Amino acid sequence: MVVIGLSIALGFNDVQTGQLSQGINTFWSGLAFYIGWRTLPSVPAAHELPENKTLFTLSFAQVWQTTKSMHNNYGKSLRWFFLALIFAEASANAFVVVSVVFLNEQLGMTGTEIGIFFLAALVGAIPGSKIGAIITFRTNPNISWRLSMIYLITTTIVGVFVLDKGLHNVAYMWGVVVGLGLGWFYPVEHLFFSMLLPKGQEAELSGFFVYCTQILGWLPPLIFSIMVENGINQRYGILVVQIFFAIAIGLLSMLRWTEALEQVHGSEDEIVKKEQDMEDAPDDTRGMYSEY
């Protein structure tokens, strides 16, 4: 909103608007980083670095061990979730990159108008989160997350093949519609992950979650660029990017929600027994059951 307002008030062109946005971003990120760095407390290391090992090599080894552990111990749950996450995040993140090119070259929108488009998408994300909550409550996170991706595929394809130059107002409406899907997609994604998170592995798997969101982030924009550089219409390039969503939907179809929960947390009877044990335990031993 600040960038859009200043660019309109000062009459900036696309280059000047880009410089303005990057200047504000650099200042704000730098200030926040400095404050955050000074605020963080000093925490001792949880593990000692083994001899003849470096953090660089050990980190990759740990990622490999985590991957094997999920494959062997959580084959019905986290394995399919993280595989789907790799492709789903690649497609979702690529939309921001490729849509800027499409809006500028296909629809002739300026930098300020593109900023308004994404502002409209952010506004649409607010009711989208509520819609996602309702659907998730009536189904489950697995079904809801797949439905959000089907919605994003549909709205993106319809938008890129219907919109043309001169339809800027319609493009803003499209931004709101896409924002609904993004506001649905991201909260359900994190709910999905949190409900399948094993006790005691929160920090490790949260880092692995971030790792998986970045693995293929470069591939859809690269495919889009190669297609456009070879004279293929940008509309078809964006269509190909949506295939990553389709792959994620297929992977999630291999996951059965009830079985996934039981594999991570145990059956419903086991959970009830743990709760009963905690209630029946003496006050001085009840703390040992707090992990449940």
Foldseek 3Di string as FASTA:
>chain_A
DVLLVVCVVVVPFQVVSVVVVVVVVVVVVVVVVVVVVVPDDDDDDPDDDDPPDDPVVVVVVVLVVVLVCCVVQQVQAPNLLLVLLLLVLLLVLVCVVLVVVCCCPFAVDTNSLVVLLLVLLQVLLVVLLVVLVVVCVVPNLLVSLLVLLVQLLVLLLVVSVPDGYPPSVVSSVSSSSNSSSVSNNVVSSVVSCVLLDAQPCVVVVVVVSVVSSPPNNPPLVVQLVVCVVVPHDSSVSSNVSSVSSVVSNVSSVSHDVQVSNCSRPNHPVVVVVLVVCLVPDDPVCSVVSVSD
